[in-house]
């Protein structure tokens, strides 16, 4: 279990953090994920990669955490942390950096599009693995990828970023 945790904790944490967008909630969801992995280790049938299985559990835990948070109502501290949409000089400066522009553009995508791009490009999951993690058909994953790439390209062009890297 230590080896499994050491190898996959960071990837699971990054995935969950992108979904919940809150460090404390992400830490709790990661802990719950690995606790479930410990409890359900005997249920792993090897039909997918261990990473796929872990991210599938983590996804469920992340969405459960989001539901609990929504049910809790608006917390004044949390509301104060909602970022101001107006561009600050710092944000303008970050937009000049291509990696920052990509991150900002990714945030503007729908949750479904952001999720498949994240799994494919940041977690190197195959279309089949994404389908298993998200619980949708492979064809739907491919369609979402197509539209997500198209929308991301549009957003990057609007941000002044072309497809080439210097």
N, C-alpha and C. Protein backbone atom coordinates (compact mmCIF):
# COMPACT_ATOMS: atom_id res chain seq x y z
N UNK A 1 0.82 -1.19 0.00
CA UNK A 1 0.00 0.00 0.00
C UNK A 1 0.87 1.25 0.00
N UNK A 2 1.99 1.21 0.73
CA UNK A 2 2.90 2.36 0.76
C UNK A 2 3.44 2.67 -0.63
N UNK A 3 3.83 1.63 -1.34
CA UNK A 3 4.37 1.81 -2.69
C UNK A 3 3.30 2.38 -3.61
N UNK A 4 2.10 1.83 -3.54
CA UNK A 4 0.98 2.31 -4.36
C UNK A 4 0.71 3.79 -4.06
N UNK A 5 0.66 4.13 -2.78
CA UNK A 5 0.41 5.51 -2.37
C UNK A 5 1.54 6.42 -2.86
N UNK A 6 2.78 6.00 -2.68
CA UNK A 6 3.92 6.82 -3.09
C UNK A 6 3.93 7.06 -4.59
N UNK A 7 3.59 6.05 -5.36
CA UNK A 7 3.61 6.17 -6.81
C UNK A 7 2.47 7.01 -7.37
N UNK A 8 1.31 6.93 -6.76
CA UNK A 8 0.12 7.52 -7.38
C UNK A 8 -0.49 8.70 -6.64
N UNK A 9 -0.04 8.99 -5.44
CA UNK A 9 -0.64 10.06 -4.64
C UNK A 9 -0.64 11.40 -5.37
N UNK A 10 0.48 11.77 -5.95
CA UNK A 10 0.59 13.07 -6.60
C UNK A 10 -0.35 13.19 -7.80
N UNK A 11 -0.39 12.15 -8.63
CA UNK A 11 -1.27 12.19 -9.81
C UNK A 11 -2.73 12.23 -9.39
N UNK A 12 -3.10 11.45 -8.38
CA UNK A 12 -4.48 11.44 -7.89
C UNK A 12 -4.81 12.81 -7.29
N UNK A 13 -3.89 13.36 -6.53
CA UNK A 13 -4.12 14.67 -5.91
C UNK A 13 -4.32 15.74 -6.99
N UNK A 14 -3.48 15.77 -7.99
CA UNK A 14 -3.61 16.77 -9.06
C UNK A 14 -4.95 16.63 -9.79
N UNK A 15 -5.33 15.40 -10.05
CA UNK A 15 -6.61 15.16 -10.73
C UNK A 15 -7.77 15.67 -9.88
N UNK A 16 -7.78 15.30 -8.62
CA UNK A 16 -8.87 15.70 -7.72
C UNK A 16 -8.88 17.21 -7.55
N UNK A 17 -7.71 17.82 -7.41
CA UNK A 17 -7.62 19.26 -7.22
C UNK A 17 -8.19 20.01 -8.43
N UNK A 18 -7.98 19.49 -9.63
CA UNK A 18 -8.54 20.13 -10.82
C UNK A 18 -10.07 20.05 -10.82
N UNK A 19 -10.61 19.03 -10.20
CA UNK A 19 -12.07 18.88 -10.15
C UNK A 19 -12.66 19.76 -9.05
N UNK A 20 -12.11 19.69 -7.84
CA UNK A 20 -12.72 20.38 -6.70
C UNK A 20 -12.22 21.81 -6.51
N UNK A 21 -11.02 22.11 -6.97
CA UNK A 21 -10.43 23.46 -6.91
C UNK A 21 -10.32 24.00 -5.49
N UNK A 22 -10.03 23.11 -4.56
CA UNK A 22 -9.85 23.51 -3.17
C UNK A 22 -8.87 22.52 -2.55
N UNK A 23 -7.76 23.04 -2.04
CA UNK A 23 -6.69 22.19 -1.53
C UNK A 23 -7.14 21.28 -0.39
N UNK A 24 -7.86 21.83 0.57
CA UNK A 24 -8.30 21.03 1.73
C UNK A 24 -9.28 19.94 1.30
N UNK A 25 -10.22 20.29 0.44
CA UNK A 25 -11.19 19.31 -0.05
C UNK A 25 -10.47 18.23 -0.85
N UNK A 26 -9.48 18.65 -1.64
CA UNK A 26 -8.72 17.68 -2.45
C UNK A 26 -7.96 16.70 -1.54
N UNK A 27 -7.34 17.22 -0.50
CA UNK A 27 -6.61 16.35 0.43
C UNK A 27 -7.54 15.32 1.06
N UNK A 28 -8.72 15.76 1.47
CA UNK A 28 -9.70 14.84 2.06
C UNK A 28 -10.13 13.78 1.05
N UNK A 29 -10.39 14.21 -0.19
CA UNK A 29 -10.83 13.26 -1.22
C UNK A 29 -9.73 12.25 -1.55
N UNK A 30 -8.49 12.70 -1.56
CA UNK A 30 -7.37 11.78 -1.82
C UNK A 30 -7.26 10.77 -0.68
N UNK A 31 -7.39 11.24 0.54
CA UNK A 31 -7.34 10.31 1.69
C UNK A 31 -8.46 9.28 1.60
N UNK A 32 -9.66 9.75 1.30
CA UNK A 32 -10.79 8.84 1.15
C UNK A 32 -10.57 7.86 0.00
N UNK A 33 -9.96 8.33 -1.06
CA UNK A 33 -9.68 7.46 -2.21
C UNK A 33 -8.78 6.31 -1.80
N UNK A 34 -7.67 6.63 -1.16
CA UNK A 34 -6.73 5.57 -0.79
C UNK A 34 -7.26 4.69 0.33
N UNK A 35 -8.12 5.22 1.16
CA UNK A 35 -8.77 4.39 2.18
C UNK A 35 -9.68 3.37 1.49
N UNK A 36 -10.44 3.83 0.48
CA UNK A 36 -11.28 2.91 -0.28
C UNK A 36 -10.45 1.89 -1.05
N UNK A 37 -9.33 2.32 -1.58
CA UNK A 37 -8.44 1.40 -2.29
C UNK A 37 -7.98 0.31 -1.33
N UNK A 38 -7.62 0.70 -0.11
CA UNK A 38 -7.20 -0.27 0.90
C UNK A 38 -8.32 -1.27 1.20
N UNK A 39 -9.54 -0.74 1.34
CA UNK A 39 -10.69 -1.60 1.67
C UNK A 39 -11.09 -2.49 0.50
N UNK A 40 -10.96 -1.99 -0.73
CA UNK A 40 -11.46 -2.70 -1.92
C UNK A 40 -10.35 -3.36 -2.73
N UNK A 41 -9.16 -3.45 -2.19
CA UNK A 41 -8.03 -4.00 -2.95
C UNK A 41 -8.35 -5.39 -3.51
N UNK A 42 -9.06 -6.17 -2.76
CA UNK A 42 -9.41 -7.52 -3.21
C UNK A 42 -10.39 -7.52 -4.37
N UNK A 43 -11.10 -6.42 -4.57
CA UNK A 43 -12.08 -6.32 -5.66
C UNK A 43 -11.45 -5.95 -6.99
N UNK A 44 -10.18 -5.51 -6.98
CA UNK A 44 -9.52 -5.12 -8.23
C UNK A 44 -9.32 -6.37 -9.08
N UNK A 45 -9.91 -6.35 -10.29
CA UNK A 45 -9.90 -7.53 -11.16
C UNK A 45 -8.83 -7.47 -12.24
N UNK A 46 -8.13 -6.35 -12.36
CA UNK A 46 -7.08 -6.25 -13.36
C UNK A 46 -7.59 -6.04 -14.78
N UNK A 47 -8.86 -5.63 -14.94
CA UNK A 47 -9.40 -5.39 -16.28
C UNK A 47 -8.93 -4.06 -16.84
N UNK A 48 -8.35 -3.23 -15.99
CA UNK A 48 -7.81 -1.95 -16.42
C UNK A 48 -6.51 -1.71 -15.65
N UNK A 49 -5.82 -0.63 -16.01
CA UNK A 49 -4.61 -0.28 -15.29
C UNK A 49 -4.98 0.14 -13.87
N UNK A 50 -4.03 0.01 -12.98
CA UNK A 50 -4.24 0.44 -11.60
C UNK A 50 -4.55 1.94 -11.57
N UNK A 51 -3.85 2.71 -12.42
CA UNK A 51 -4.08 4.15 -12.48
C UNK A 51 -5.52 4.45 -12.85
N UNK A 52 -6.05 3.71 -13.80
CA UNK A 52 -7.44 3.91 -14.23
C UNK A 52 -8.39 3.64 -13.07
N UNK A 53 -8.14 2.57 -12.36
CA UNK A 53 -8.97 2.20 -11.21
C UNK A 53 -8.89 3.28 -10.13
N UNK A 54 -7.68 3.75 -9.82
CA UNK A 54 -7.50 4.78 -8.81
C UNK A 54 -8.21 6.08 -9.19
N UNK A 55 -8.02 6.51 -10.44
CA UNK A 55 -8.64 7.76 -10.88
C UNK A 55 -10.16 7.65 -10.93
N UNK A 56 -10.66 6.47 -11.19
CA UNK A 56 -12.10 6.26 -11.18
C UNK A 56 -12.66 6.45 -9.78
N UNK A 57 -11.99 5.88 -8.80
CA UNK A 57 -12.41 6.04 -7.40
C UNK A 57 -12.25 7.50 -6.99
N UNK A 58 -11.13 8.12 -7.37
CA UNK A 58 -10.87 9.51 -7.02
C UNK A 58 -11.92 10.44 -7.62
N UNK A 59 -12.32 10.15 -8.84
CA UNK A 59 -13.34 10.98 -9.50
C UNK A 59 -14.65 10.93 -8.71
N UNK A 60 -15.04 9.74 -8.30
CA UNK A 60 -16.26 9.59 -7.51
C UNK A 60 -16.15 10.37 -6.19
N UNK A 61 -15.01 10.26 -5.53
CA UNK A 61 -14.79 10.96 -4.26
C UNK A 61 -14.81 12.48 -4.47
N UNK A 62 -14.22 12.95 -5.57
CA UNK A 62 -14.19 14.39 -5.84
C UNK A 62 -15.60 14.92 -6.07
N UNK A 63 -16.39 14.22 -6.87
CA UNK A 63 -17.75 14.69 -7.12
C UNK A 63 -18.62 14.59 -5.87
N UNK A 64 -18.38 13.59 -5.05
CA UNK A 64 -19.10 13.50 -3.77
C UNK A 64 -18.76 14.69 -2.89
N UNK A 65 -17.48 15.07 -2.86
CA UNK A 65 -17.06 16.23 -2.07
C UNK A 65 -17.70 17.50 -2.59
N UNK A 66 -17.80 17.64 -3.90
CA UNK A 66 -18.45 18.82 -4.48
C UNK A 66 -19.93 18.87 -4.10
N UNK A 67 -20.60 17.72 -4.12
CA UNK A 67 -22.01 17.67 -3.73
C UNK A 67 -22.18 18.07 -2.26
N UNK A 68 -21.32 17.56 -1.40
CA UNK A 68 -21.39 17.90 0.03
C UNK A 68 -21.17 19.40 0.22
N UNK A 69 -20.24 19.95 -0.53
CA UNK A 69 -19.93 21.37 -0.42
C UNK A 69 -21.11 22.22 -0.88
N UNK A 70 -21.76 21.80 -1.95
CA UNK A 70 -22.91 22.53 -2.47
C UNK A 70 -24.07 22.46 -1.47
N UNK A 71 -24.24 21.30 -0.84
CA UNK A 71 -25.31 21.12 0.12
C UNK A 71 -25.08 21.93 1.40
N UNK A 72 -23.84 22.25 1.70
CA UNK A 72 -23.51 22.97 2.92
C UNK A 72 -23.91 24.44 2.87
N UNK A 73 -24.23 24.92 1.69
CA UNK A 73 -24.61 26.32 1.56
C UNK A 73 -23.39 27.20 1.34
N UNK A 74 -23.60 28.48 1.23
CA UNK A 74 -22.53 29.42 0.96
C UNK A 74 -21.83 29.80 2.25
N UNK A 75 -20.57 29.50 2.31
CA UNK A 75 -19.73 29.85 3.43
C UNK A 75 -19.12 31.22 3.14
N UNK A 76 -19.16 32.12 4.09
CA UNK A 76 -18.67 33.48 3.87
C UNK A 76 -17.18 33.50 3.52
N UNK A 77 -16.38 32.67 4.21
CA UNK A 77 -14.95 32.61 3.89
C UNK A 77 -14.73 32.10 2.48
N UNK A 78 -15.46 31.06 2.12
CA UNK A 78 -15.33 30.49 0.78
C UNK A 78 -15.76 31.52 -0.26
N UNK A 79 -16.84 32.25 0.01
CA UNK A 79 -17.33 33.25 -0.93
C UNK A 79 -16.30 34.36 -1.11
N UNK A 80 -15.60 34.71 -0.06
CA UNK A 80 -14.57 35.75 -0.15
C UNK A 80 -13.39 35.31 -1.00
N UNK A 81 -13.19 33.99 -1.11
CA UNK A 81 -12.09 33.46 -1.91
C UNK A 81 -12.41 33.34 -3.39
N UNK A 82 -13.65 33.59 -3.78
CA UNK A 82 -14.01 33.53 -5.19
C UNK A 82 -13.25 34.63 -5.92
N UNK A 83 -12.48 34.25 -6.94
CA UNK A 83 -11.63 35.25 -7.59
C UNK A 83 -12.44 36.28 -8.36
N UNK A 84 -11.92 37.49 -8.35
CA UNK A 84 -12.51 38.58 -9.11
C UNK A 84 -12.23 38.32 -10.59
N UNK A 85 -13.23 38.44 -11.43
CA UNK A 85 -13.10 38.15 -12.85
C UNK A 85 -12.31 39.22 -13.61
N UNK A 86 -12.17 40.39 -13.04
CA UNK A 86 -11.45 41.47 -13.72
C UNK A 86 -9.96 41.13 -13.80
N UNK A 87 -9.37 41.45 -14.94
CA UNK A 87 -7.95 41.21 -15.13
C UNK A 87 -7.12 42.21 -14.33
N UNK A 88 -6.20 41.67 -13.55
CA UNK A 88 -5.26 42.51 -12.83
C UNK A 88 -4.00 42.61 -13.67
N UNK A 89 -3.10 43.52 -13.34
CA UNK A 89 -1.84 43.59 -14.08
C UNK A 89 -1.09 42.25 -14.07
N UNK A 90 -1.19 41.55 -12.96
CA UNK A 90 -0.54 40.24 -12.87
C UNK A 90 -1.14 39.25 -13.88
N UNK A 91 -2.47 39.25 -13.98
CA UNK A 91 -3.15 38.35 -14.91
C UNK A 91 -2.77 38.72 -16.34
N UNK A 92 -2.72 40.01 -16.64
CA UNK A 92 -2.33 40.45 -17.98
C UNK A 92 -0.93 39.95 -18.29
N UNK A 93 -0.05 40.04 -17.32
CA UNK A 93 1.32 39.56 -17.50
C UNK A 93 1.35 38.05 -17.72
N UNK A 94 0.55 37.31 -16.96
CA UNK A 94 0.51 35.86 -17.10
C UNK A 94 -0.02 35.44 -18.46
N UNK A 95 -0.94 36.23 -19.01
CA UNK A 95 -1.50 35.88 -20.31
C UNK A 95 -0.45 35.90 -21.40
N UNK A 96 0.62 36.64 -21.18
CA UNK A 96 1.71 36.67 -22.16
C UNK A 96 2.49 35.35 -22.16
N UNK A 97 2.47 34.68 -21.05
CA UNK A 97 3.16 33.39 -20.94
C UNK A 97 2.26 32.31 -21.52
N UNK A 98 2.78 31.52 -22.43
CA UNK A 98 1.94 30.53 -23.12
C UNK A 98 1.37 29.47 -22.19
N UNK A 99 2.14 29.00 -21.27
CA UNK A 99 1.59 27.97 -20.39
C UNK A 99 0.49 28.54 -19.50
N UNK A 100 0.62 29.78 -19.09
CA UNK A 100 -0.43 30.41 -18.31
C UNK A 100 -1.68 30.60 -19.16
N UNK A 101 -1.48 30.96 -20.41
CA UNK A 101 -2.63 31.14 -21.31
C UNK A 101 -3.36 29.82 -21.52
N UNK A 102 -2.63 28.75 -21.60
CA UNK A 102 -3.27 27.44 -21.77
C UNK A 102 -4.08 27.09 -20.52
N UNK A 103 -3.49 27.30 -19.35
CA UNK A 103 -4.23 27.01 -18.11
C UNK A 103 -5.49 27.85 -18.01
N UNK A 104 -5.38 29.13 -18.32
CA UNK A 104 -6.55 30.01 -18.27
C UNK A 104 -7.62 29.56 -19.26
N UNK A 105 -7.18 29.15 -20.44
CA UNK A 105 -8.13 28.70 -21.46
C UNK A 105 -8.79 27.39 -21.04
N UNK A 106 -8.03 26.52 -20.42
CA UNK A 106 -8.60 25.25 -19.94
C UNK A 106 -9.71 25.51 -18.93
N UNK A 107 -9.54 26.51 -18.08
CA UNK A 107 -10.54 26.83 -17.07
C UNK A 107 -11.85 27.30 -17.69
N UNK A 108 -11.79 27.81 -18.90
CA UNK A 108 -12.99 28.32 -19.57
C UNK A 108 -13.78 27.22 -20.26
N UNK A 109 -13.20 26.03 -20.36
CA UNK A 109 -13.89 24.90 -20.99
C UNK A 109 -14.95 24.36 -20.03
N UNK A 110 -15.90 23.64 -20.59
CA UNK A 110 -16.89 23.00 -19.73
C UNK A 110 -16.20 21.92 -18.90
N UNK A 111 -16.83 21.54 -17.82
CA UNK A 111 -16.24 20.52 -16.93
C UNK A 111 -16.00 19.21 -17.68
N UNK A 112 -16.93 18.83 -18.56
CA UNK A 112 -16.78 17.58 -19.31
C UNK A 112 -15.57 17.65 -20.25
N UNK A 113 -15.41 18.77 -20.93
CA UNK A 113 -14.28 18.92 -21.86
C UNK A 113 -12.96 19.00 -21.10
N UNK A 114 -12.94 19.75 -20.01
CA UNK A 114 -11.73 19.89 -19.21
C UNK A 114 -11.32 18.53 -18.64
N UNK A 115 -12.30 17.75 -18.22
CA UNK A 115 -12.02 16.45 -17.62
C UNK A 115 -11.35 15.50 -18.61
N UNK A 116 -11.88 15.40 -19.83
CA UNK A 116 -11.28 14.46 -20.79
C UNK A 116 -9.91 14.94 -21.23
N UNK A 117 -9.73 16.26 -21.43
CA UNK A 117 -8.40 16.77 -21.78
C UNK A 117 -7.40 16.50 -20.67
N UNK A 118 -7.82 16.71 -19.44
CA UNK A 118 -6.95 16.48 -18.30
C UNK A 118 -6.51 15.01 -18.23
N UNK A 119 -7.47 14.11 -18.37
CA UNK A 119 -7.13 12.69 -18.29
C UNK A 119 -6.24 12.25 -19.45
N UNK A 120 -6.51 12.71 -20.65
CA UNK A 120 -5.73 12.28 -21.82
C UNK A 120 -4.34 12.90 -21.83
N UNK A 121 -4.26 14.22 -21.62
CA UNK A 121 -2.98 14.90 -21.79
C UNK A 121 -2.14 15.00 -20.52
N UNK A 122 -2.76 15.14 -19.37
CA UNK A 122 -1.98 15.28 -18.15
C UNK A 122 -1.78 13.96 -17.42
N UNK A 123 -2.72 13.04 -17.60
CA UNK A 123 -2.61 11.74 -16.93
C UNK A 123 -2.32 10.62 -17.92
N UNK A 124 -2.19 10.97 -19.19
CA UNK A 124 -1.81 10.04 -20.26
C UNK A 124 -2.72 8.81 -20.31
N UNK A 125 -3.99 9.02 -20.07
CA UNK A 125 -4.95 7.92 -20.15
C UNK A 125 -5.40 7.74 -21.60
N UNK A 126 -5.64 6.51 -21.99
CA UNK A 126 -6.14 6.22 -23.33
C UNK A 126 -7.63 6.54 -23.38
N UNK A 127 -8.18 6.56 -24.59
CA UNK A 127 -9.62 6.81 -24.74
C UNK A 127 -10.41 5.75 -23.98
N UNK A 128 -9.97 4.51 -24.08
CA UNK A 128 -10.64 3.41 -23.37
C UNK A 128 -10.60 3.64 -21.85
N UNK A 129 -9.45 4.06 -21.33
CA UNK A 129 -9.33 4.30 -19.89
C UNK A 129 -10.19 5.48 -19.45
N UNK A 130 -10.22 6.53 -20.27
CA UNK A 130 -11.06 7.68 -19.94
C UNK A 130 -12.52 7.26 -19.89
N UNK A 131 -12.93 6.45 -20.85
CA UNK A 131 -14.31 5.97 -20.89
C UNK A 131 -14.65 5.21 -19.60
N UNK A 132 -13.73 4.39 -19.14
CA UNK A 132 -13.97 3.63 -17.90
C UNK A 132 -14.01 4.54 -16.67
N UNK A 133 -13.09 5.50 -16.61
CA UNK A 133 -13.02 6.39 -15.46
C UNK A 133 -14.27 7.25 -15.36
N UNK A 134 -14.66 7.85 -16.50
CA UNK A 134 -15.78 8.78 -16.51
C UNK A 134 -17.12 8.06 -16.57
N UNK A 135 -17.11 6.83 -17.10
CA UNK A 135 -18.34 6.05 -17.19
C UNK A 135 -19.19 6.41 -18.39
N UNK A 136 -18.53 6.69 -19.51
CA UNK A 136 -19.23 7.01 -20.76
C UNK A 136 -18.65 6.16 -21.88
N UNK A 137 -19.36 6.02 -23.01
CA UNK A 137 -18.84 5.23 -24.13
C UNK A 137 -17.60 5.88 -24.75
N UNK A 138 -16.76 5.05 -25.38
CA UNK A 138 -15.54 5.54 -26.02
C UNK A 138 -15.86 6.59 -27.09
N UNK A 139 -16.93 6.39 -27.83
CA UNK A 139 -17.32 7.34 -28.86
C UNK A 139 -17.61 8.72 -28.27
N UNK A 140 -18.21 8.74 -27.10
CA UNK A 140 -18.50 10.01 -26.43
C UNK A 140 -17.20 10.69 -25.99
N UNK A 141 -16.24 9.89 -25.53
CA UNK A 141 -14.93 10.44 -25.15
C UNK A 141 -14.29 11.09 -26.37
N UNK A 142 -14.32 10.39 -27.51
CA UNK A 142 -13.71 10.93 -28.73
C UNK A 142 -14.40 12.21 -29.17
N UNK A 143 -15.72 12.25 -29.08
CA UNK A 143 -16.47 13.45 -29.45
C UNK A 143 -16.12 14.61 -28.52
N UNK A 144 -16.07 14.33 -27.23
CA UNK A 144 -15.72 15.39 -26.28
C UNK A 144 -14.30 15.89 -26.52
N UNK A 145 -13.38 14.97 -26.83
CA UNK A 145 -12.01 15.37 -27.12
C UNK A 145 -11.96 16.28 -28.34
N UNK A 146 -12.68 15.92 -29.39
CA UNK A 146 -12.71 16.71 -30.61
C UNK A 146 -13.19 18.13 -30.31
N UNK A 147 -14.33 18.22 -29.64
CA UNK A 147 -14.91 19.54 -29.35
C UNK A 147 -14.06 20.32 -28.34
N UNK A 148 -13.47 19.63 -27.38
CA UNK A 148 -12.62 20.29 -26.39
C UNK A 148 -11.39 20.88 -27.05
N UNK A 149 -10.76 20.12 -27.94
CA UNK A 149 -9.58 20.63 -28.66
C UNK A 149 -9.95 21.83 -29.52
N UNK A 150 -11.08 21.73 -30.19
CA UNK A 150 -11.52 22.81 -31.07
C UNK A 150 -11.77 24.08 -30.25
N UNK A 151 -12.48 23.95 -29.14
CA UNK A 151 -12.80 25.10 -28.30
C UNK A 151 -11.53 25.67 -27.68
N UNK A 152 -10.62 24.80 -27.24
CA UNK A 152 -9.37 25.26 -26.65
C UNK A 152 -8.55 26.04 -27.68
N UNK A 153 -8.52 25.55 -28.91
CA UNK A 153 -7.80 26.26 -29.97
C UNK A 153 -8.40 27.65 -30.19
N UNK A 154 -9.72 27.75 -30.19
CA UNK A 154 -10.39 29.04 -30.35
C UNK A 154 -10.03 29.99 -29.21
N UNK A 155 -10.06 29.46 -27.99
CA UNK A 155 -9.73 30.28 -26.83
C UNK A 155 -8.29 30.76 -26.86
N UNK A 156 -7.38 29.89 -27.32
CA UNK A 156 -5.97 30.27 -27.38
C UNK A 156 -5.74 31.32 -28.47
N UNK A 157 -6.41 31.20 -29.59
CA UNK A 157 -6.30 32.21 -30.64
C UNK A 157 -6.81 33.55 -30.12
N UNK A 158 -7.93 33.50 -29.41
CA UNK A 158 -8.49 34.73 -28.83
C UNK A 158 -7.54 35.35 -27.80
N UNK A 159 -6.73 34.51 -27.15
CA UNK A 159 -5.76 34.99 -26.17
C UNK A 159 -4.46 35.43 -26.83
N UNK A 160 -4.41 35.32 -28.15
CA UNK A 160 -3.21 35.74 -28.89
C UNK A 160 -2.15 34.68 -29.02
N UNK A 161 -2.52 33.44 -28.80
CA UNK A 161 -1.58 32.33 -28.88
C UNK A 161 -1.87 31.53 -30.15
N UNK A 162 -0.82 31.37 -30.99
CA UNK A 162 -1.00 30.53 -32.17
C UNK A 162 -0.66 29.09 -31.79
N UNK A 163 -0.77 28.19 -32.74
CA UNK A 163 -0.54 26.78 -32.44
C UNK A 163 0.93 26.43 -32.27
N UNK A 164 1.81 27.25 -32.78
CA UNK A 164 3.24 26.93 -32.73
C UNK A 164 3.89 27.35 -31.44
N UNK A 165 4.95 26.66 -31.07
CA UNK A 165 5.76 27.01 -29.91
C UNK A 165 7.10 27.46 -30.42
N UNK A 166 7.64 28.56 -29.89
CA UNK A 166 8.95 29.05 -30.37
C UNK A 166 10.07 28.09 -30.05
